[in-house]
Amino acid sequence: QVQLVESGGGLVQPGGSLRLSCVASGFTFSNYAMSWYRQAPGKERELVAFISSSGAGTNYADSVKGRFTISRDNAKNTVYLQMNSLKPEDTAVYYCKVPSRGIWGQGTQVTVSS
């Protein structure tokens, strides 16, 4: 069946780094653009980053530009989110999504705290 499984979240100190992964199955991954979203407690889910099906095109929320990098490996059916210079306000559950099909992963918690 169609499935997205995120991993890589955890607790990190301010200024630290994490790399999230999202492994896709059940569809032709290389045909689809992918995105990362996040949802902080009490807030709406927001788009963090987007990558085209080939990986040639990317886009970022202003709040993460210059700190986060989205990438993908179509041979591994995986999309990544490299997060550097993390701030407490980056604390959220992070989800990957196939935007054109409305498919979501289960999410992975990222907590930035000293």
PDB file of N, CA and C in Angstrom:
ATOM      1  N   GLN A   1       0.833  -1.177   0.000  1.00  0.00           N
ATOM      2  CA  GLN A   1       0.000   0.000   0.000  1.00  0.00           C
ATOM      3  C   GLN A   1       0.884   1.249   0.000  1.00  0.00           C
ATOM      4  N   VAL A   2       0.269   2.387  -0.330  1.00  0.00           N
ATOM      5  CA  VAL A   2       0.994   3.647  -0.339  1.00  0.00           C
ATOM      6  C   VAL A   2       1.368   4.027   1.086  1.00  0.00           C
ATOM      7  N   GLN A   3       2.627   4.352   1.295  1.00  0.00           N
ATOM      8  CA  GLN A   3       3.085   4.635   2.651  1.00  0.00           C
ATOM      9  C   GLN A   3       4.263   5.597   2.624  1.00  0.00           C
ATOM     10  N   LEU A   4       4.296   6.495   3.612  1.00  0.00           N
ATOM     11  CA  LEU A   4       5.430   7.381   3.860  1.00  0.00           C
ATOM     12  C   LEU A   4       5.837   7.188   5.310  1.00  0.00           C
ATOM     13  N   VAL A   5       7.111   6.937   5.549  1.00  0.00           N
ATOM     14  CA  VAL A   5       7.601   6.707   6.909  1.00  0.00           C
ATOM     15  C   VAL A   5       8.748   7.659   7.197  1.00  0.00           C
ATOM     16  N   GLU A   6       8.521   8.580   8.138  1.00  0.00           N
ATOM     17  CA  GLU A   6       9.536   9.548   8.533  1.00  0.00           C
ATOM     18  C   GLU A   6      10.385   9.000   9.674  1.00  0.00           C
ATOM     19  N   SER A   7      11.614   9.472   9.745  1.00  0.00           N
ATOM     20  CA  SER A   7      12.504   9.137  10.848  1.00  0.00           C
ATOM     21  C   SER A   7      13.543  10.238  10.988  1.00  0.00           C
ATOM     22  N   GLY A   8      14.302  10.186  12.090  1.00  0.00           N
ATOM     23  CA  GLY A   8      15.397  11.123  12.272  1.00  0.00           C
ATOM     24  C   GLY A   8      15.140  12.236  13.267  1.00  0.00           C
ATOM     25  N   GLY A   9      13.936  12.310  13.774  1.00  0.00           N
ATOM     26  CA  GLY A   9      13.642  13.343  14.765  1.00  0.00           C
ATOM     27  C   GLY A   9      14.303  13.046  16.099  1.00  0.00           C
ATOM     28  N   GLY A  10      14.209  14.011  17.013  1.00  0.00           N
ATOM     29  CA  GLY A  10      14.786  13.820  18.328  1.00  0.00           C
ATOM     30  C   GLY A  10      14.942  15.136  19.052  1.00  0.00           C
ATOM     31  N   LEU A  11      15.702  15.077  20.144  1.00  0.00           N
ATOM     32  CA  LEU A  11      15.983  16.260  20.960  1.00  0.00           C
ATOM     33  C   LEU A  11      17.365  16.787  20.603  1.00  0.00           C
ATOM     34  N   VAL A  12      17.456  18.069  20.328  1.00  0.00           N
ATOM     35  CA  VAL A  12      18.732  18.681  19.959  1.00  0.00           C
ATOM     36  C   VAL A  12      18.821  20.055  20.613  1.00  0.00           C
ATOM     37  N   GLN A  13      20.029  20.480  20.919  1.00  0.00           N
ATOM     38  CA  GLN A  13      20.242  21.800  21.517  1.00  0.00           C
ATOM     39  C   GLN A  13      20.147  22.890  20.451  1.00  0.00           C
ATOM     40  N   PRO A  14      19.798  24.100  20.859  1.00  0.00           N
ATOM     41  CA  PRO A  14      19.806  25.220  19.913  1.00  0.00           C
ATOM     42  C   PRO A  14      21.154  25.329  19.222  1.00  0.00           C
ATOM     43  N   GLY A  15      21.106  25.566  17.907  1.00  0.00           N
ATOM     44  CA  GLY A  15      22.314  25.623  17.106  1.00  0.00           C
ATOM     45  C   GLY A  15      22.725  24.289  16.524  1.00  0.00           C
ATOM     46  N   GLY A  16      22.082  23.223  16.953  1.00  0.00           N
ATOM     47  CA  GLY A  16      22.425  21.900  16.473  1.00  0.00           C
ATOM     48  C   GLY A  16      21.794  21.559  15.135  1.00  0.00           C
ATOM     49  N   SER A  17      22.016  20.311  14.718  1.00  0.00           N
ATOM     50  CA  SER A  17      21.531  19.846  13.413  1.00  0.00           C
ATOM     51  C   SER A  17      20.839  18.503  13.541  1.00  0.00           C
ATOM     52  N   LEU A  18      19.916  18.275  12.636  1.00  0.00           N
ATOM     53  CA  LEU A  18      19.269  16.972  12.483  1.00  0.00           C
ATOM     54  C   LEU A  18      19.011  16.752  10.999  1.00  0.00           C
ATOM     55  N   ARG A  19      18.962  15.482  10.590  1.00  0.00           N
ATOM     56  CA  ARG A  19      18.532  15.151   9.238  1.00  0.00           C
ATOM     57  C   ARG A  19      17.346  14.205   9.315  1.00  0.00           C
ATOM     58  N   LEU A  20      16.240  14.651   8.765  1.00  0.00           N
ATOM     59  CA  LEU A  20      15.047  13.835   8.688  1.00  0.00           C
ATOM     60  C   LEU A  20      15.034  13.066   7.377  1.00  0.00           C
ATOM     61  N   SER A  21      14.470  11.858   7.434  1.00  0.00           N
ATOM     62  CA  SER A  21      14.295  11.037   6.234  1.00  0.00           C
ATOM     63  C   SER A  21      12.832  10.639   6.109  1.00  0.00           C
ATOM     64  N   CYS A  22      12.399  10.458   4.883  1.00  0.00           N
ATOM     65  CA  CYS A  22      11.042   9.987   4.609  1.00  0.00           C
ATOM     66  C   CYS A  22      11.149   8.963   3.486  1.00  0.00           C
ATOM     67  N   VAL A  23      10.843   7.722   3.823  1.00  0.00           N
ATOM     68  CA  VAL A  23      10.921   6.640   2.848  1.00  0.00           C
ATOM     69  C   VAL A  23       9.523   6.356   2.311  1.00  0.00           C
ATOM     70  N   ALA A  24       9.414   6.335   0.986  1.00  0.00           N
ATOM     71  CA  ALA A  24       8.132   6.134   0.327  1.00  0.00           C
ATOM     72  C   ALA A  24       8.025   4.722  -0.239  1.00  0.00           C
ATOM     73  N   SER A  25       6.814   4.209  -0.282  1.00  0.00           N
ATOM     74  CA  SER A  25       6.569   2.912  -0.891  1.00  0.00           C
ATOM     75  C   SER A  25       5.148   2.869  -1.437  1.00  0.00           C
ATOM     76  N   GLY A  26       4.928   1.989  -2.394  1.00  0.00           N
ATOM     77  CA  GLY A  26       3.592   1.795  -2.925  1.00  0.00           C
ATOM     78  C   GLY A  26       3.221   2.679  -4.094  1.00  0.00           C
ATOM     79  N   PHE A  27       4.153   3.510  -4.556  1.00  0.00           N
ATOM     80  CA  PHE A  27       3.906   4.345  -5.730  1.00  0.00           C
ATOM     81  C   PHE A  27       5.243   4.672  -6.377  1.00  0.00           C
ATOM     82  N   THR A  28       5.185   5.225  -7.583  1.00  0.00           N
ATOM     83  CA  THR A  28       6.415   5.543  -8.323  1.00  0.00           C
ATOM     84  C   THR A  28       6.944   6.874  -7.820  1.00  0.00           C
ATOM     85  N   PHE A  29       7.815   6.789  -6.836  1.00  0.00           N
ATOM     86  CA  PHE A  29       8.313   7.959  -6.108  1.00  0.00           C
ATOM     87  C   PHE A  29       8.890   9.014  -7.042  1.00  0.00           C
ATOM     88  N   SER A  30       9.638   8.601  -8.037  1.00  0.00           N
ATOM     89  CA  SER A  30      10.354   9.549  -8.895  1.00  0.00           C
ATOM     90  C   SER A  30       9.416  10.390  -9.761  1.00  0.00           C
ATOM     91  N   ASN A  31       8.142  10.032  -9.814  1.00  0.00           N
ATOM     92  CA  ASN A  31       7.175  10.792 -10.603  1.00  0.00           C
ATOM     93  C   ASN A  31       6.560  11.968  -9.856  1.00  0.00           C
ATOM     94  N   TYR A  32       6.829  12.062  -8.553  1.00  0.00           N
ATOM     95  CA  TYR A  32       6.089  13.002  -7.721  1.00  0.00           C
ATOM     96  C   TYR A  32       6.988  13.987  -6.991  1.00  0.00           C
ATOM     97  N   ALA A  33       6.538  15.267  -6.976  1.00  0.00           N
ATOM     98  CA  ALA A  33       7.129  16.237  -6.076  1.00  0.00           C
ATOM     99  C   ALA A  33       6.822  15.830  -4.642  1.00  0.00           C
ATOM    100  N   MET A  34       7.674  16.268  -3.738  1.00  0.00           N
ATOM    101  CA  MET A  34       7.507  15.952  -2.313  1.00  0.00           C
ATOM    102  C   MET A  34       7.625  17.232  -1.497  1.00  0.00           C
ATOM    103  N   SER A  35       7.079  17.184  -0.302  1.00  0.00           N
ATOM    104  CA  SER A  35       7.179  18.347   0.578  1.00  0.00           C
ATOM    105  C   SER A  35       7.320  17.912   2.035  1.00  0.00           C
ATOM    106  N   TRP A  36       7.859  18.817   2.826  1.00  0.00           N
ATOM    107  CA  TRP A  36       7.912  18.668   4.280  1.00  0.00           C
ATOM    108  C   TRP A  36       7.048  19.756   4.906  1.00  0.00           C
ATOM    109  N   TYR A  37       6.270  19.360   5.895  1.00  0.00           N
ATOM    110  CA  TYR A  37       5.455  20.267   6.686  1.00  0.00           C
ATOM    111  C   TYR A  37       5.849  20.109   8.151  1.00  0.00           C
ATOM    112  N   ARG A  38       5.413  21.049   8.957  1.00  0.00           N
ATOM    113  CA  ARG A  38       5.568  20.901  10.407  1.00  0.00           C
ATOM    114  C   ARG A  38       4.361  21.500  11.125  1.00  0.00           C
ATOM    115  N   GLN A  39       4.133  20.980  12.318  1.00  0.00           N
ATOM    116  CA  GLN A  39       3.044  21.487  13.141  1.00  0.00           C
ATOM    117  C   GLN A  39       3.515  21.588  14.585  1.00  0.00           C
ATOM    118  N   ALA A  40       3.558  22.821  15.067  1.00  0.00           N
ATOM    119  CA  ALA A  40       3.933  23.072  16.451  1.00  0.00           C
ATOM    120  C   ALA A  40       2.683  23.022  17.324  1.00  0.00           C
ATOM    121  N   PRO A  41       2.848  22.785  18.628  1.00  0.00           N
ATOM    122  CA  PRO A  41       1.682  22.723  19.517  1.00  0.00           C
ATOM    123  C   PRO A  41       0.851  23.993  19.441  1.00  0.00           C
ATOM    124  N   GLY A  42      -0.444  23.834  19.235  1.00  0.00           N
ATOM    125  CA  GLY A  42      -1.351  24.970  19.201  1.00  0.00           C
ATOM    126  C   GLY A  42      -1.313  25.780  17.927  1.00  0.00           C
ATOM    127  N   LYS A  43      -0.564  25.312  16.937  1.00  0.00           N
ATOM    128  CA  LYS A  43      -0.453  26.056  15.683  1.00  0.00           C
ATOM    129  C   LYS A  43      -0.915  25.202  14.509  1.00  0.00           C
ATOM    130  N   GLU A  44      -1.199  25.867  13.400  1.00  0.00           N
ATOM    131  CA  GLU A  44      -1.585  25.153  12.196  1.00  0.00           C
ATOM    132  C   GLU A  44      -0.358  24.516  11.530  1.00  0.00           C
ATOM    133  N   ARG A  45      -0.632  23.465  10.790  1.00  0.00           N
ATOM    134  CA  ARG A  45       0.443  22.832  10.031  1.00  0.00           C
ATOM    135  C   ARG A  45       0.910  23.789   8.929  1.00  0.00           C
ATOM    136  N   GLU A  46       2.228  23.889   8.758  1.00  0.00           N
ATOM    137  CA  GLU A  46       2.772  24.824   7.768  1.00  0.00           C
ATOM    138  C   GLU A  46       3.766  24.133   6.857  1.00  0.00           C
ATOM    139  N   LEU A  47       3.818  24.613   5.609  1.00  0.00           N
ATOM    140  CA  LEU A  47       4.766  24.090   4.636  1.00  0.00           C
ATOM    141  C   LEU A  47       6.161  24.588   4.971  1.00  0.00           C
ATOM    142  N   VAL A  48       7.105  23.680   5.004  1.00  0.00           N
ATOM    143  CA  VAL A  48       8.498  24.013   5.303  1.00  0.00           C
ATOM    144  C   VAL A  48       9.343  24.041   4.039  1.00  0.00           C
ATOM    145  N   ALA A  49       9.216  22.995   3.209  1.00  0.00           N
ATOM    146  CA  ALA A  49      10.062  22.886   2.023  1.00  0.00           C
ATOM    147  C   ALA A  49       9.385  22.002   0.985  1.00  0.00           C
ATOM    148  N   PHE A  50       9.756  22.244  -0.256  1.00  0.00           N
ATOM    149  CA  PHE A  50       9.191  21.539  -1.404  1.00  0.00           C
ATOM    150  C   PHE A  50      10.309  21.182  -2.362  1.00  0.00           C
ATOM    151  N   ILE A  51      10.179  20.005  -2.993  1.00  0.00           N
ATOM    152  CA  ILE A  51      11.166  19.613  -4.000  1.00  0.00           C
ATOM    153  C   ILE A  51      10.438  18.972  -5.170  1.00  0.00           C
ATOM    154  N   SER A  52      10.877  19.309  -6.372  1.00  0.00           N
ATOM    155  CA  SER A  52      10.258  18.758  -7.573  1.00  0.00           C
ATOM    156  C   SER A  52      10.594  17.276  -7.724  1.00  0.00           C
ATOM    157  N   SER A  53       9.945  16.632  -8.668  1.00  0.00           N
ATOM    158  CA  SER A  53      10.122  15.188  -8.829  1.00  0.00           C
ATOM    159  C   SER A  53      11.568  14.828  -9.192  1.00  0.00           C
ATOM    160  N   SER A  54      12.221  15.672  -9.955  1.00  0.00           N
ATOM    161  CA  SER A  54      13.613  15.405 -10.346  1.00  0.00           C
ATOM    162  C   SER A  54      14.615  15.866  -9.301  1.00  0.00           C
ATOM    163  N   GLY A  55      14.169  16.747  -8.430  1.00  0.00           N
ATOM    164  CA  GLY A  55      15.073  17.339  -7.455  1.00  0.00           C
ATOM    165  C   GLY A  55      15.688  18.648  -7.908  1.00  0.00           C
ATOM    166  N   ALA A  56      15.390  19.044  -9.133  1.00  0.00           N
ATOM    167  CA  ALA A  56      16.025  20.246  -9.677  1.00  0.00           C
ATOM    168  C   ALA A  56      15.441  21.524  -9.092  1.00  0.00           C
ATOM    169  N   GLY A  57      14.201  21.466  -8.640  1.00  0.00           N
ATOM    170  CA  GLY A  57      13.545  22.658  -8.104  1.00  0.00           C
ATOM    171  C   GLY A  57      13.213  22.498  -6.638  1.00  0.00           C
ATOM    172  N   THR A  58      13.522  23.528  -5.854  1.00  0.00           N
ATOM    173  CA  THR A  58      13.205  23.513  -4.425  1.00  0.00           C
ATOM    174  C   THR A  58      12.631  24.858  -4.017  1.00  0.00           C
ATOM    175  N   ASN A  59      11.919  24.853  -2.898  1.00  0.00           N
ATOM    176  CA  ASN A  59      11.366  26.084  -2.356  1.00  0.00           C
ATOM    177  C   ASN A  59      11.263  25.925  -0.843  1.00  0.00           C
ATOM    178  N   TYR A  60      11.387  27.053  -0.127  1.00  0.00           N
ATOM    179  CA  TYR A  60      11.434  27.010   1.329  1.00  0.00           C
ATOM    180  C   TYR A  60      10.573  28.102   1.948  1.00  0.00           C
ATOM    181  N   ALA A  61      10.079  27.813   3.136  1.00  0.00           N
ATOM    182  CA  ALA A  61       9.448  28.858   3.932  1.00  0.00           C
ATOM    183  C   ALA A  61      10.511  29.871   4.334  1.00  0.00           C
ATOM    184  N   ASP A  62      10.117  31.126   4.427  1.00  0.00           N
ATOM    185  CA  ASP A  62      11.084  32.176   4.789  1.00  0.00           C
ATOM    186  C   ASP A  62      11.757  31.881   6.124  1.00  0.00           C
ATOM    187  N   SER A  63      11.028  31.264   7.030  1.00  0.00           N
ATOM    188  CA  SER A  63      11.546  31.021   8.377  1.00  0.00           C
ATOM    189  C   SER A  63      12.695  30.016   8.412  1.00  0.00           C
ATOM    190  N   VAL A  64      12.869  29.228   7.345  1.00  0.00           N
ATOM    191  CA  VAL A  64      13.926  28.201   7.347  1.00  0.00           C
ATOM    192  C   VAL A  64      14.957  28.398   6.241  1.00  0.00           C
ATOM    193  N   LYS A  65      14.753  29.392   5.387  1.00  0.00           N
ATOM    194  CA  LYS A  65      15.700  29.622   4.289  1.00  0.00           C
ATOM    195  C   LYS A  65      17.101  29.855   4.814  1.00  0.00           C
ATOM    196  N   GLY A  66      18.058  29.190   4.177  1.00  0.00           N
ATOM    197  CA  GLY A  66      19.444  29.326   4.589  1.00  0.00           C
ATOM    198  C   GLY A  66      19.849  28.392   5.717  1.00  0.00           C
ATOM    199  N   ARG A  67      18.858  27.727   6.339  1.00  0.00           N
ATOM    200  CA  ARG A  67      19.170  26.799   7.440  1.00  0.00           C
ATOM    201  C   ARG A  67      18.778  25.366   7.095  1.00  0.00           C
ATOM    202  N   PHE A  68      17.711  25.200   6.344  1.00  0.00           N
ATOM    203  CA  PHE A  68      17.216  23.863   6.001  1.00  0.00           C
ATOM    204  C   PHE A  68      17.481  23.589   4.522  1.00  0.00           C
ATOM    205  N   THR A  69      17.727  22.321   4.201  1.00  0.00           N
ATOM    206  CA  THR A  69      17.911  21.896   2.817  1.00  0.00           C
ATOM    207  C   THR A  69      17.109  20.626   2.561  1.00  0.00           C
ATOM    208  N   ILE A  70      16.262  20.667   1.551  1.00  0.00           N
ATOM    209  CA  ILE A  70      15.514  19.486   1.138  1.00  0.00           C
ATOM    210  C   ILE A  70      16.237  18.840  -0.025  1.00  0.00           C
ATOM    211  N   SER A  71      16.265  17.513  -0.029  1.00  0.00           N
ATOM    212  CA  SER A  71      16.893  16.780  -1.116  1.00  0.00           C
ATOM    213  C   SER A  71      16.179  15.432  -1.259  1.00  0.00           C
ATOM    214  N   ARG A  72      16.508  14.735  -2.326  1.00  0.00           N
ATOM    215  CA  ARG A  72      15.878  13.429  -2.529  1.00  0.00           C
ATOM    216  C   ARG A  72      16.829  12.490  -3.242  1.00  0.00           C
ATOM    217  N   ASP A  73      16.619  11.203  -3.023  1.00  0.00           N
ATOM    218  CA  ASP A  73      17.350  10.157  -3.710  1.00  0.00           C
ATOM    219  C   ASP A  73      16.291   9.241  -4.320  1.00  0.00           C
ATOM    220  N   ASN A  74      16.037   9.392  -5.608  1.00  0.00           N
ATOM    221  CA  ASN A  74      14.963   8.626  -6.238  1.00  0.00           C
ATOM    222  C   ASN A  74      15.287   7.133  -6.314  1.00  0.00           C
ATOM    223  N   ALA A  75      16.570   6.794  -6.295  1.00  0.00           N
ATOM    224  CA  ALA A  75      16.943   5.374  -6.292  1.00  0.00           C
ATOM    225  C   ALA A  75      16.591   4.705  -4.965  1.00  0.00           C
ATOM    226  N   LYS A  76      16.517   5.516  -3.903  1.00  0.00           N
ATOM    227  CA  LYS A  76      16.195   4.984  -2.572  1.00  0.00           C
ATOM    228  C   LYS A  76      14.780   5.329  -2.134  1.00  0.00           C
ATOM    229  N   ASN A  77      14.012   5.967  -3.018  1.00  0.00           N
ATOM    230  CA  ASN A  77      12.631   6.360  -2.676  1.00  0.00           C
ATOM    231  C   ASN A  77      12.584   7.174  -1.387  1.00  0.00           C
ATOM    232  N   THR A  78      13.526   8.083  -1.245  1.00  0.00           N
ATOM    233  CA  THR A  78      13.670   8.809   0.012  1.00  0.00           C
ATOM    234  C   THR A  78      13.831  10.308  -0.232  1.00  0.00           C
ATOM    235  N   VAL A  79      13.149  11.087   0.601  1.00  0.00           N
ATOM    236  CA  VAL A  79      13.329  12.528   0.631  1.00  0.00           C
ATOM    237  C   VAL A  79      13.892  12.896   2.004  1.00  0.00           C
ATOM    238  N   TYR A  80      14.794  13.877   2.016  1.00  0.00           N
ATOM    239  CA  TYR A  80      15.492  14.272   3.232  1.00  0.00           C
ATOM    240  C   TYR A  80      15.202  15.738   3.563  1.00  0.00           C
ATOM    241  N   LEU A  81      15.373  16.054   4.836  1.00  0.00           N
ATOM    242  CA  LEU A  81      15.361  17.448   5.261  1.00  0.00           C
ATOM    243  C   LEU A  81      16.540  17.632   6.215  1.00  0.00           C
ATOM    244  N   GLN A  82      17.577  18.296   5.725  1.00  0.00           N
ATOM    245  CA  GLN A  82      18.731  18.629   6.560  1.00  0.00           C
ATOM    246  C   GLN A  82      18.430  19.929   7.268  1.00  0.00           C
ATOM    247  N   MET A  83      18.483  19.915   8.582  1.00  0.00           N
ATOM    248  CA  MET A  83      18.135  21.087   9.386  1.00  0.00           C
ATOM    249  C   MET A  83      19.356  21.499  10.200  1.00  0.00           C
ATOM    250  N   ASN A  84      19.859  22.682   9.927  1.00  0.00           N
ATOM    251  CA  ASN A  84      21.019  23.227  10.632  1.00  0.00           C
ATOM    252  C   ASN A  84      20.623  24.472  11.410  1.00  0.00           C
ATOM    253  N   SER A  85      21.481  24.873  12.319  1.00  0.00           N
ATOM    254  CA  SER A  85      21.246  26.077  13.127  1.00  0.00           C
ATOM    255  C   SER A  85      19.844  26.085  13.715  1.00  0.00           C
ATOM    256  N   LEU A  86      19.481  24.977  14.318  1.00  0.00           N
ATOM    257  CA  LEU A  86      18.115  24.834  14.823  1.00  0.00           C
ATOM    258  C   LEU A  86      17.834  25.793  15.967  1.00  0.00           C
ATOM    259  N   LYS A  87      16.583  26.248  16.002  1.00  0.00           N
ATOM    260  CA  LYS A  87      16.121  27.192  17.006  1.00  0.00           C
ATOM    261  C   LYS A  87      14.965  26.576  17.803  1.00  0.00           C
ATOM    262  N   PRO A  88      14.714  27.051  19.004  1.00  0.00           N
ATOM    263  CA  PRO A  88      13.576  26.507  19.765  1.00  0.00           C
ATOM    264  C   PRO A  88      12.253  26.597  19.002  1.00  0.00           C
ATOM    265  N   GLU A  89      12.104  27.618  18.185  1.00  0.00           N
ATOM    266  CA  GLU A  89      10.854  27.758  17.429  1.00  0.00           C
ATOM    267  C   GLU A  89      10.720  26.758  16.288  1.00  0.00           C
ATOM    268  N   ASP A  90      11.748  25.972  16.035  1.00  0.00           N
ATOM    269  CA  ASP A  90      11.645  24.881  15.062  1.00  0.00           C
ATOM    270  C   ASP A  90      11.014  23.632  15.681  1.00  0.00           C
ATOM    271  N   THR A  91      10.790  23.648  16.975  1.00  0.00           N
ATOM    272  CA  THR A  91      10.166  22.509  17.646  1.00  0.00           C
ATOM    273  C   THR A  91       8.782  22.248  17.073  1.00  0.00           C
ATOM    274  N   ALA A  92       8.560  21.021  16.616  1.00  0.00           N
ATOM    275  CA  ALA A  92       7.302  20.656  15.963  1.00  0.00           C
ATOM    276  C   ALA A  92       7.337  19.182  15.598  1.00  0.00           C
ATOM    277  N   VAL A  93       6.189  18.682  15.183  1.00  0.00           N
ATOM    278  CA  VAL A  93       6.139  17.388  14.511  1.00  0.00           C
ATOM    279  C   VAL A  93       6.302  17.664  13.020  1.00  0.00           C
ATOM    280  N   TYR A  94       7.237  16.961  12.405  1.00  0.00           N
ATOM    281  CA  TYR A  94       7.537  17.159  10.995  1.00  0.00           C
ATOM    282  C   TYR A  94       6.949  16.003  10.180  1.00  0.00           C
ATOM    283  N   TYR A  95       6.279  16.374   9.088  1.00  0.00           N
ATOM    284  CA  TYR A  95       5.601  15.401   8.240  1.00  0.00           C
ATOM    285  C   TYR A  95       6.086  15.535   6.802  1.00  0.00           C
ATOM    286  N   CYS A  96       6.204  14.429   6.107  1.00  0.00           N
ATOM    287  CA  CYS A  96       6.399  14.512   4.663  1.00  0.00           C
ATOM    288  C   CYS A  96       5.060  14.247   3.978  1.00  0.00           C
ATOM    289  N   LYS A  97       4.970  14.739   2.753  1.00  0.00           N
ATOM    290  CA  LYS A  97       3.696  14.672   2.037  1.00  0.00           C
ATOM    291  C   LYS A  97       3.949  14.564   0.541  1.00  0.00           C
ATOM    292  N   VAL A  98       3.081  13.833  -0.130  1.00  0.00           N
ATOM    293  CA  VAL A  98       3.013  13.863  -1.579  1.00  0.00           C
ATOM    294  C   VAL A  98       1.933  14.885  -1.919  1.00  0.00           C
ATOM    295  N   PRO A  99       2.299  16.090  -2.298  1.00  0.00           N
ATOM    296  CA  PRO A  99       1.309  17.159  -2.402  1.00  0.00           C
ATOM    297  C   PRO A  99       0.177  16.860  -3.381  1.00  0.00           C
ATOM    298  N   SER A 100       0.503  16.265  -4.500  1.00  0.00           N
ATOM    299  CA  SER A 100      -0.515  16.076  -5.530  1.00  0.00           C
ATOM    300  C   SER A 100      -1.479  14.950  -5.213  1.00  0.00           C
ATOM    301  N   ARG A 101      -1.143  14.124  -4.228  1.00  0.00           N
ATOM    302  CA  ARG A 101      -2.016  12.999  -3.884  1.00  0.00           C
ATOM    303  C   ARG A 101      -2.528  13.079  -2.453  1.00  0.00           C
ATOM    304  N   GLY A 102      -2.114  14.088  -1.726  1.00  0.00           N
ATOM    305  CA  GLY A 102      -2.613  14.242  -0.367  1.00  0.00           C
ATOM    306  C   GLY A 102      -2.215  13.135   0.582  1.00  0.00           C
ATOM    307  N   ILE A 103      -1.073  12.509   0.312  1.00  0.00           N
ATOM    308  CA  ILE A 103      -0.602  11.411   1.154  1.00  0.00           C
ATOM    309  C   ILE A 103       0.347  11.971   2.202  1.00  0.00           C
ATOM    310  N   TRP A 104       0.122  11.611   3.464  1.00  0.00           N
ATOM    311  CA  TRP A 104       0.939  12.090   4.584  1.00  0.00           C
ATOM    312  C   TRP A 104       1.627  10.923   5.277  1.00  0.00           C
ATOM    313  N   GLY A 105       2.799  11.223   5.837  1.00  0.00           N
ATOM    314  CA  GLY A 105       3.425  10.293   6.746  1.00  0.00           C
ATOM    315  C   GLY A 105       2.860  10.465   8.146  1.00  0.00           C
ATOM    316  N   GLN A 106       3.398   9.675   9.089  1.00  0.00           N
ATOM    317  CA  GLN A 106       2.886   9.714  10.458  1.00  0.00           C
ATOM    318  C   GLN A 106       3.535  10.809  11.293  1.00  0.00           C
ATOM    319  N   GLY A 107       4.636  11.358  10.818  1.00  0.00           N
ATOM    320  CA  GLY A 107       5.310  12.444  11.507  1.00  0.00           C
ATOM    321  C   GLY A 107       6.437  11.977  12.405  1.00  0.00           C
ATOM    322  N   THR A 108       7.384  12.881  12.631  1.00  0.00           N
ATOM    323  CA  THR A 108       8.491  12.644  13.553  1.00  0.00           C
ATOM    324  C   THR A 108       8.705  13.906  14.378  1.00  0.00           C
ATOM    325  N   GLN A 109       8.878  13.722  15.678  1.00  0.00           N
ATOM    326  CA  GLN A 109       8.982  14.864  16.594  1.00  0.00           C
ATOM    327  C   GLN A 109      10.396  15.425  16.595  1.00  0.00           C
ATOM    328  N   VAL A 110      10.491  16.742  16.463  1.00  0.00           N
ATOM    329  CA  VAL A 110      11.747  17.468  16.604  1.00  0.00           C
ATOM    330  C   VAL A 110      11.584  18.449  17.763  1.00  0.00           C
ATOM    331  N   THR A 111      12.472  18.337  18.737  1.00  0.00           N
ATOM    332  CA  THR A 111      12.446  19.240  19.886  1.00  0.00           C
ATOM    333  C   THR A 111      13.799  19.916  20.009  1.00  0.00           C
ATOM    334  N   VAL A 112      13.775  21.243  20.003  1.00  0.00           N
ATOM    335  CA  VAL A 112      15.003  22.035  20.110  1.00  0.00           C
ATOM    336  C   VAL A 112      14.969  22.733  21.466  1.00  0.00           C
ATOM    337  N   SER A 113      15.843  22.297  22.353  1.00  0.00           N
ATOM    338  CA  SER A 113      15.821  22.822  23.720  1.00  0.00           C
ATOM    339  C   SER A 113      17.162  22.579  24.383  1.00  0.00           C
ATOM    340  N   SER A 114      17.525  23.503  25.260  1.00  0.00           N
ATOM    341  CA  SER A 114      18.743  23.320  26.043  1.00  0.00           C
ATOM    342  C   SER A 114      18.428  22.646  27.371  1.00  0.00           C
TER     343      SER A 114
END
